[in-house]
Amino acid sequence: MRLLVDEPDGGAPVVLRVAEGTTVGEVAELLRLVFEEAGVERVAVRVGGGAVGACTRGNLERLLARVPRGPGDGDAARLAGSPFYTMLEFACGSCPNRVLTVHVDEDDPPACPLHGVMRGPV
């Protein structure tokens, strides 16, 4: 996961939380979707409740630009959006902090670092 992050995660307006065992490729795809849908420049990444760091839009674009392509790579192409995940959004009722997640741990629900409990999924 460290490959995807280029900054500490403090202050990122959106948090992407994924379950342990989620692959780097899956997280990269989710980050691409978050950048597309949320319109932010920086996303904090948390795996299994632990902070990994923050990924910037520019870093993800640089990493994805380096993915080698060859003949036949588009054979299994699919339309934008992931058929495997549903993005859940939680929002703080007191400030603009949001959490986007594909996994919710009932023992550790998304929380605003400033105000605690978040509404969601919204």
Foldseek 3Di string as FASTA:
>chain_A
DLLQADAAAPPFQEEEEEEPPQDPVNVLLVVVVCCVPVVGQKYWYHYNNHTNGIGGPVSSVVVVVPPDDDPPPCVPPDDRDDPPFDWFKWAAPPDSRIYTYRDADPVDGDADPVHGDTDISD
